Amino acid sequence: MDNQAAYEFINSKDIREHLRKLDYPLTPVQCAFLVWQSRRHTLKEKHEAWEDIIATIEYAKSKHLRIVMLSAQNEAK
């Protein structure tokens, strides 16, 4: 989930717009909390957002693992 999508789950319009202006980076844990506490979204929408967050985390982990493996291969040469 990118920040722009996560901002939509912030209940306060003023805070949502403030963070947008700052382009404030949110961690996956912060995104998950915002989804959980949102009063404007249905459970189905929240579930879809959580799935997106999980996919983002899994992608980042796999990308990190590839970098570590390539680094290890280069060091072995």
PDB file of N, CA and C in Angstrom:
ATOM      1  N   MET A   1       0.850  -1.171   0.000  1.00  0.00           N
ATOM      2  CA  MET A   1       0.000   0.000   0.000  1.00  0.00           C
ATOM      3  C   MET A   1       0.896   1.233   0.000  1.00  0.00           C
ATOM      4  N   ASP A   2       0.621   2.135  -0.921  1.00  0.00           N
ATOM      5  CA  ASP A   2       1.405   3.371  -0.938  1.00  0.00           C
ATOM      6  C   ASP A   2       0.793   4.395   0.012  1.00  0.00           C
ATOM      7  N   ASN A   3       1.537   5.442   0.272  1.00  0.00           N
ATOM      8  CA  ASN A   3       1.084   6.449   1.235  1.00  0.00           C
ATOM      9  C   ASN A   3      -0.222   7.110   0.825  1.00  0.00           C
ATOM     10  N   GLN A   4      -0.376   7.414  -0.449  1.00  0.00           N
ATOM     11  CA  GLN A   4      -1.593   8.095  -0.899  1.00  0.00           C
ATOM     12  C   GLN A   4      -2.835   7.264  -0.587  1.00  0.00           C
ATOM     13  N   ALA A   5      -2.734   5.959  -0.783  1.00  0.00           N
ATOM     14  CA  ALA A   5      -3.863   5.077  -0.469  1.00  0.00           C
ATOM     15  C   ALA A   5      -4.088   5.016   1.040  1.00  0.00           C
ATOM     16  N   ALA A   6      -3.017   4.973   1.806  1.00  0.00           N
ATOM     17  CA  ALA A   6      -3.128   4.893   3.263  1.00  0.00           C
ATOM     18  C   ALA A   6      -3.749   6.156   3.845  1.00  0.00           C
ATOM     19  N   TYR A   7      -3.423   7.303   3.268  1.00  0.00           N
ATOM     20  CA  TYR A   7      -3.984   8.557   3.780  1.00  0.00           C
ATOM     21  C   TYR A   7      -5.506   8.551   3.750  1.00  0.00           C
ATOM     22  N   GLU A   8      -6.093   7.827   2.806  1.00  0.00           N
ATOM     23  CA  GLU A   8      -7.554   7.776   2.692  1.00  0.00           C
ATOM     24  C   GLU A   8      -8.211   7.147   3.918  1.00  0.00           C
ATOM     25  N   PHE A   9      -7.448   6.419   4.707  1.00  0.00           N
ATOM     26  CA  PHE A   9      -7.999   5.761   5.887  1.00  0.00           C
ATOM     27  C   PHE A   9      -7.900   6.633   7.139  1.00  0.00           C
ATOM     28  N   ILE A  10      -7.348   7.829   7.016  1.00  0.00           N
ATOM     29  CA  ILE A  10      -7.250   8.746   8.155  1.00  0.00           C
ATOM     30  C   ILE A  10      -8.595   9.438   8.334  1.00  0.00           C
ATOM     31  N   ASN A  11      -9.146   9.340   9.519  1.00  0.00           N
ATOM     32  CA  ASN A  11     -10.475   9.892   9.781  1.00  0.00           C
ATOM     33  C   ASN A  11     -10.526  11.414   9.666  1.00  0.00           C
ATOM     34  N   SER A  12      -9.514  12.094  10.158  1.00  0.00           N
ATOM     35  CA  SER A  12      -9.498  13.552  10.156  1.00  0.00           C
ATOM     36  C   SER A  12      -9.070  14.098   8.797  1.00  0.00           C
ATOM     37  N   LYS A  13      -9.955  14.882   8.190  1.00  0.00           N
ATOM     38  CA  LYS A  13      -9.644  15.487   6.888  1.00  0.00           C
ATOM     39  C   LYS A  13      -8.418  16.393   6.994  1.00  0.00           C
ATOM     40  N   ASP A  14      -8.328  17.181   8.067  1.00  0.00           N
ATOM     41  CA  ASP A  14      -7.213  18.112   8.227  1.00  0.00           C
ATOM     42  C   ASP A  14      -5.873  17.381   8.353  1.00  0.00           C
ATOM     43  N   ILE A  15      -5.854  16.344   9.157  1.00  0.00           N
ATOM     44  CA  ILE A  15      -4.605  15.578   9.311  1.00  0.00           C
ATOM     45  C   ILE A  15      -4.256  14.869   8.019  1.00  0.00           C
ATOM     46  N   ARG A  16      -5.269  14.302   7.353  1.00  0.00           N
ATOM     47  CA  ARG A  16      -5.052  13.625   6.072  1.00  0.00           C
ATOM     48  C   ARG A  16      -4.403  14.579   5.070  1.00  0.00           C
ATOM     49  N   GLU A  17      -4.941  15.777   4.945  1.00  0.00           N
ATOM     50  CA  GLU A  17      -4.398  16.750   3.996  1.00  0.00           C
ATOM     51  C   GLU A  17      -3.010  17.236   4.411  1.00  0.00           C
ATOM     52  N   HIS A  18      -2.795  17.407   5.699  1.00  0.00           N
ATOM     53  CA  HIS A  18      -1.487  17.842   6.193  1.00  0.00           C
ATOM     54  C   HIS A  18      -0.406  16.811   5.845  1.00  0.00           C
ATOM     55  N   LEU A  19      -0.696  15.535   6.111  1.00  0.00           N
ATOM     56  CA  LEU A  19       0.276  14.488   5.796  1.00  0.00           C
ATOM     57  C   LEU A  19       0.512  14.372   4.293  1.00  0.00           C
ATOM     58  N   ARG A  20      -0.545  14.601   3.507  1.00  0.00           N
ATOM     59  CA  ARG A  20      -0.389  14.594   2.050  1.00  0.00           C
ATOM     60  C   ARG A  20       0.564  15.691   1.596  1.00  0.00           C
ATOM     61  N   LYS A  21       0.378  16.887   2.145  1.00  0.00           N
ATOM     62  CA  LYS A  21       1.250  18.010   1.769  1.00  0.00           C
ATOM     63  C   LYS A  21       2.708  17.722   2.123  1.00  0.00           C
ATOM     64  N   LEU A  22       2.919  17.066   3.260  1.00  0.00           N
ATOM     65  CA  LEU A  22       4.274  16.725   3.686  1.00  0.00           C
ATOM     66  C   LEU A  22       4.815  15.509   2.944  1.00  0.00           C
ATOM     67  N   ASP A  23       3.921  14.772   2.274  1.00  0.00           N
ATOM     68  CA  ASP A  23       4.257  13.473   1.684  1.00  0.00           C
ATOM     69  C   ASP A  23       4.915  12.605   2.747  1.00  0.00           C
ATOM     70  N   TYR A  24       4.264  12.565   3.905  1.00  0.00           N
ATOM     71  CA  TYR A  24       4.794  11.874   5.076  1.00  0.00           C
ATOM     72  C   TYR A  24       4.848  10.371   4.823  1.00  0.00           C
ATOM     73  N   PRO A  25       6.015   9.754   4.997  1.00  0.00           N
ATOM     74  CA  PRO A  25       6.131   8.309   4.751  1.00  0.00           C
ATOM     75  C   PRO A  25       5.553   7.496   5.908  1.00  0.00           C
ATOM     76  N   LEU A  26       4.715   6.549   5.586  1.00  0.00           N
ATOM     77  CA  LEU A  26       4.106   5.683   6.591  1.00  0.00           C
ATOM     78  C   LEU A  26       4.688   4.276   6.488  1.00  0.00           C
ATOM     79  N   THR A  27       4.927   3.655   7.631  1.00  0.00           N
ATOM     80  CA  THR A  27       5.399   2.275   7.649  1.00  0.00           C
ATOM     81  C   THR A  27       4.205   1.349   7.421  1.00  0.00           C
ATOM     82  N   PRO A  28       4.453   0.097   7.065  1.00  0.00           N
ATOM     83  CA  PRO A  28       3.341  -0.844   6.936  1.00  0.00           C
ATOM     84  C   PRO A  28       2.532  -0.993   8.224  1.00  0.00           C
ATOM     85  N   VAL A  29       3.189  -0.940   9.365  1.00  0.00           N
ATOM     86  CA  VAL A  29       2.474  -1.054  10.644  1.00  0.00           C
ATOM     87  C   VAL A  29       1.554   0.157  10.836  1.00  0.00           C
ATOM     88  N   GLN A  30       2.034   1.340  10.505  1.00  0.00           N
ATOM     89  CA  GLN A  30       1.202   2.542  10.622  1.00  0.00           C
ATOM     90  C   GLN A  30       0.018   2.456   9.657  1.00  0.00           C
ATOM     91  N   CYS A  31       0.258   1.965   8.456  1.00  0.00           N
ATOM     92  CA  CYS A  31      -0.827   1.804   7.477  1.00  0.00           C
ATOM     93  C   CYS A  31      -1.883   0.842   8.016  1.00  0.00           C
ATOM     94  N   ALA A  32      -1.442  -0.283   8.574  1.00  0.00           N
ATOM     95  CA  ALA A  32      -2.376  -1.267   9.114  1.00  0.00           C
ATOM     96  C   ALA A  32      -3.218  -0.667  10.236  1.00  0.00           C
ATOM     97  N   PHE A  33      -2.608   0.144  11.084  1.00  0.00           N
ATOM     98  CA  PHE A  33      -3.356   0.792  12.161  1.00  0.00           C
ATOM     99  C   PHE A  33      -4.389   1.760  11.595  1.00  0.00           C
ATOM    100  N   LEU A  34      -3.995   2.562  10.614  1.00  0.00           N
ATOM    101  CA  LEU A  34      -4.938   3.512  10.020  1.00  0.00           C
ATOM    102  C   LEU A  34      -6.128   2.794   9.399  1.00  0.00           C
ATOM    103  N   VAL A  35      -5.861   1.677   8.747  1.00  0.00           N
ATOM    104  CA  VAL A  35      -6.947   0.887   8.160  1.00  0.00           C
ATOM    105  C   VAL A  35      -7.872   0.396   9.269  1.00  0.00           C
ATOM    106  N   TRP A  36      -7.298  -0.142  10.322  1.00  0.00           N
ATOM    107  CA  TRP A  36      -8.089  -0.698  11.423  1.00  0.00           C
ATOM    108  C   TRP A  36      -9.001   0.355  12.058  1.00  0.00           C
ATOM    109  N   GLN A  37      -8.486   1.557  12.286  1.00  0.00           N
ATOM    110  CA  GLN A  37      -9.255   2.563  13.022  1.00  0.00           C
ATOM    111  C   GLN A  37     -10.198   3.401  12.155  1.00  0.00           C
ATOM    112  N   SER A  38     -10.155   3.214  10.856  1.00  0.00           N
ATOM    113  CA  SER A  38     -10.993   4.028   9.972  1.00  0.00           C
ATOM    114  C   SER A  38     -12.482   3.796  10.235  1.00  0.00           C
ATOM    115  N   ARG A  39     -13.212   4.890  10.354  1.00  0.00           N
ATOM    116  CA  ARG A  39     -14.660   4.822  10.566  1.00  0.00           C
ATOM    117  C   ARG A  39     -15.431   4.960   9.255  1.00  0.00           C
ATOM    118  N   ARG A  40     -14.725   5.284   8.166  1.00  0.00           N
ATOM    119  CA  ARG A  40     -15.395   5.545   6.885  1.00  0.00           C
ATOM    120  C   ARG A  40     -15.358   4.364   5.925  1.00  0.00           C
ATOM    121  N   HIS A  41     -14.682   3.288   6.290  1.00  0.00           N
ATOM    122  CA  HIS A  41     -14.513   2.172   5.371  1.00  0.00           C
ATOM    123  C   HIS A  41     -15.206   0.913   5.884  1.00  0.00           C
ATOM    124  N   THR A  42     -15.705   0.131   4.948  1.00  0.00           N
ATOM    125  CA  THR A  42     -16.362  -1.119   5.310  1.00  0.00           C
ATOM    126  C   THR A  42     -15.316  -2.160   5.683  1.00  0.00           C
ATOM    127  N   LEU A  43     -15.781  -3.230   6.303  1.00  0.00           N
ATOM    128  CA  LEU A  43     -14.880  -4.313   6.660  1.00  0.00           C
ATOM    129  C   LEU A  43     -14.246  -4.918   5.400  1.00  0.00           C
ATOM    130  N   LYS A  44     -15.030  -5.009   4.331  1.00  0.00           N
ATOM    131  CA  LYS A  44     -14.491  -5.543   3.075  1.00  0.00           C
ATOM    132  C   LYS A  44     -13.357  -4.653   2.551  1.00  0.00           C
ATOM    133  N   GLU A  45     -13.549  -3.337   2.589  1.00  0.00           N
ATOM    134  CA  GLU A  45     -12.511  -2.405   2.140  1.00  0.00           C
ATOM    135  C   GLU A  45     -11.261  -2.511   3.012  1.00  0.00           C
ATOM    136  N   LYS A  46     -11.474  -2.667   4.313  1.00  0.00           N
ATOM    137  CA  LYS A  46     -10.345  -2.807   5.226  1.00  0.00           C
ATOM    138  C   LYS A  46      -9.583  -4.100   4.934  1.00  0.00           C
ATOM    139  N   HIS A  47     -10.326  -5.173   4.715  1.00  0.00           N
ATOM    140  CA  HIS A  47      -9.688  -6.462   4.423  1.00  0.00           C
ATOM    141  C   HIS A  47      -8.852  -6.368   3.150  1.00  0.00           C
ATOM    142  N   GLU A  48      -9.374  -5.726   2.123  1.00  0.00           N
ATOM    143  CA  GLU A  48      -8.620  -5.548   0.878  1.00  0.00           C
ATOM    144  C   GLU A  48      -7.362  -4.715   1.113  1.00  0.00           C
ATOM    145  N   ALA A  49      -7.475  -3.696   1.938  1.00  0.00           N
ATOM    146  CA  ALA A  49      -6.315  -2.852   2.239  1.00  0.00           C
ATOM    147  C   ALA A  49      -5.256  -3.644   2.999  1.00  0.00           C
ATOM    148  N   TRP A  50      -5.692  -4.457   3.968  1.00  0.00           N
ATOM    149  CA  TRP A  50      -4.728  -5.274   4.717  1.00  0.00           C
ATOM    150  C   TRP A  50      -4.028  -6.265   3.799  1.00  0.00           C
ATOM    151  N   GLU A  51      -4.766  -6.848   2.854  1.00  0.00           N
ATOM    152  CA  GLU A  51      -4.139  -7.760   1.888  1.00  0.00           C
ATOM    153  C   GLU A  51      -3.079  -7.029   1.069  1.00  0.00           C
ATOM    154  N   ASP A  52      -3.372  -5.795   0.700  1.00  0.00           N
ATOM    155  CA  ASP A  52      -2.408  -4.985  -0.052  1.00  0.00           C
ATOM    156  C   ASP A  52      -1.158  -4.703   0.781  1.00  0.00           C
ATOM    157  N   ILE A  53      -1.360  -4.397   2.051  1.00  0.00           N
ATOM    158  CA  ILE A  53      -0.226  -4.145   2.945  1.00  0.00           C
ATOM    159  C   ILE A  53       0.634  -5.405   3.064  1.00  0.00           C
ATOM    160  N   ILE A  54      -0.012  -6.542   3.233  1.00  0.00           N
ATOM    161  CA  ILE A  54       0.725  -7.810   3.344  1.00  0.00           C
ATOM    162  C   ILE A  54       1.518  -8.075   2.071  1.00  0.00           C
ATOM    163  N   ALA A  55       0.905  -7.851   0.920  1.00  0.00           N
ATOM    164  CA  ALA A  55       1.602  -8.063  -0.356  1.00  0.00           C
ATOM    165  C   ALA A  55       2.805  -7.128  -0.475  1.00  0.00           C
ATOM    166  N   THR A  56       2.657  -5.898  -0.018  1.00  0.00           N
ATOM    167  CA  THR A  56       3.753  -4.933  -0.059  1.00  0.00           C
ATOM    168  C   THR A  56       4.910  -5.401   0.817  1.00  0.00           C
ATOM    169  N   ILE A  57       4.585  -5.897   2.001  1.00  0.00           N
ATOM    170  CA  ILE A  57       5.620  -6.388   2.919  1.00  0.00           C
ATOM    171  C   ILE A  57       6.321  -7.597   2.317  1.00  0.00           C
ATOM    172  N   GLU A  58       5.548  -8.528   1.767  1.00  0.00           N
ATOM    173  CA  GLU A  58       6.148  -9.731   1.176  1.00  0.00           C
ATOM    174  C   GLU A  58       7.051  -9.368  -0.001  1.00  0.00           C
ATOM    175  N   TYR A  59       6.635  -8.393  -0.824  1.00  0.00           N
ATOM    176  CA  TYR A  59       7.463  -7.956  -1.943  1.00  0.00           C
ATOM    177  C   TYR A  59       8.771  -7.351  -1.428  1.00  0.00           C
ATOM    178  N   ALA A  60       8.665  -6.516  -0.413  1.00  0.00           N
ATOM    179  CA  ALA A  60       9.861  -5.870   0.141  1.00  0.00           C
ATOM    180  C   ALA A  60      10.808  -6.913   0.734  1.00  0.00           C
ATOM    181  N   LYS A  61      10.249  -7.912   1.416  1.00  0.00           N
ATOM    182  CA  LYS A  61      11.089  -8.964   1.993  1.00  0.00           C
ATOM    183  C   LYS A  61      11.785  -9.756   0.902  1.00  0.00           C
ATOM    184  N   SER A  62      11.064 -10.095  -0.168  1.00  0.00           N
ATOM    185  CA  SER A  62      11.682 -10.878  -1.238  1.00  0.00           C
ATOM    186  C   SER A  62      12.739 -10.050  -1.969  1.00  0.00           C
ATOM    187  N   LYS A  63      12.476  -8.759  -2.143  1.00  0.00           N
ATOM    188  CA  LYS A  63      13.451  -7.878  -2.790  1.00  0.00           C
ATOM    189  C   LYS A  63      14.716  -7.774  -1.922  1.00  0.00           C
ATOM    190  N   HIS A  64      14.528  -7.634  -0.616  1.00  0.00           N
ATOM    191  CA  HIS A  64      15.657  -7.556   0.306  1.00  0.00           C
ATOM    192  C   HIS A  64      16.463  -8.852   0.269  1.00  0.00           C
ATOM    193  N   LEU A  65      15.760  -9.979   0.246  1.00  0.00           N
ATOM    194  CA  LEU A  65      16.446 -11.273   0.208  1.00  0.00           C
ATOM    195  C   LEU A  65      17.282 -11.403  -1.058  1.00  0.00           C
ATOM    196  N   ARG A  66      16.749 -10.961  -2.202  1.00  0.00           N
ATOM    197  CA  ARG A  66      17.506 -11.015  -3.451  1.00  0.00           C
ATOM    198  C   ARG A  66      18.762 -10.156  -3.356  1.00  0.00           C
ATOM    199  N   ILE A  67      18.658  -8.993  -2.758  1.00  0.00           N
ATOM    200  CA  ILE A  67      19.813  -8.103  -2.614  1.00  0.00           C
ATOM    201  C   ILE A  67      20.867  -8.752  -1.725  1.00  0.00           C
ATOM    202  N   VAL A  68      20.442  -9.358  -0.623  1.00  0.00           N
ATOM    203  CA  VAL A  68      21.372 -10.020   0.293  1.00  0.00           C
ATOM    204  C   VAL A  68      22.065 -11.180  -0.411  1.00  0.00           C
ATOM    205  N   MET A  69      21.307 -11.972  -1.179  1.00  0.00           N
ATOM    206  CA  MET A  69      21.900 -13.105  -1.876  1.00  0.00           C
ATOM    207  C   MET A  69      22.894 -12.662  -2.940  1.00  0.00           C
ATOM    208  N   LEU A  70      22.560 -11.613  -3.700  1.00  0.00           N
ATOM    209  CA  LEU A  70      23.481 -11.098  -4.701  1.00  0.00           C
ATOM    210  C   LEU A  70      24.743 -10.555  -4.042  1.00  0.00           C
ATOM    211  N   SER A  71      24.574  -9.903  -2.928  1.00  0.00           N
ATOM    212  CA  SER A  71      25.703  -9.363  -2.199  1.00  0.00           C
ATOM    213  C   SER A  71      26.619 -10.485  -1.727  1.00  0.00           C
ATOM    214  N   ALA A  72      26.030 -11.544  -1.223  1.00  0.00           N
ATOM    215  CA  ALA A  72      26.804 -12.687  -0.753  1.00  0.00           C
ATOM    216  C   ALA A  72      27.539 -13.353  -1.906  1.00  0.00           C
ATOM    217  N   GLN A  73      26.882 -13.440  -3.051  1.00  0.00           N
ATOM    218  CA  GLN A  73      27.520 -14.028  -4.234  1.00  0.00           C
ATOM    219  C   GLN A  73      28.705 -13.182  -4.679  1.00  0.00           C
ATOM    220  N   ASN A  74      28.552 -11.895  -4.659  1.00  0.00           N
ATOM    221  CA  ASN A  74      29.636 -10.996  -5.070  1.00  0.00           C
ATOM    222  C   ASN A  74      30.805 -11.075  -4.104  1.00  0.00           C
ATOM    223  N   GLU A  75      30.540 -11.215  -2.825  1.00  0.00           N
ATOM    224  CA  GLU A  75      31.605 -11.333  -1.831  1.00  0.00           C
ATOM    225  C   GLU A  75      32.356 -12.649  -1.979  1.00  0.00           C
ATOM    226  N   ALA A  76      31.656 -13.689  -2.438  1.00  0.00           N
ATOM    227  CA  ALA A  76      32.276 -15.005  -2.589  1.00  0.00           C
ATOM    228  C   ALA A  76      33.215 -15.039  -3.796  1.00  0.00           C
ATOM    229  N   LYS A  77      33.056 -14.138  -4.710  1.00  0.00           N
ATOM    230  CA  LYS A  77      33.899 -14.128  -5.920  1.00  0.00           C
ATOM    231  C   LYS A  77      35.271 -13.585  -5.661  1.00  0.00           C
TER     232      LYS A  77
END
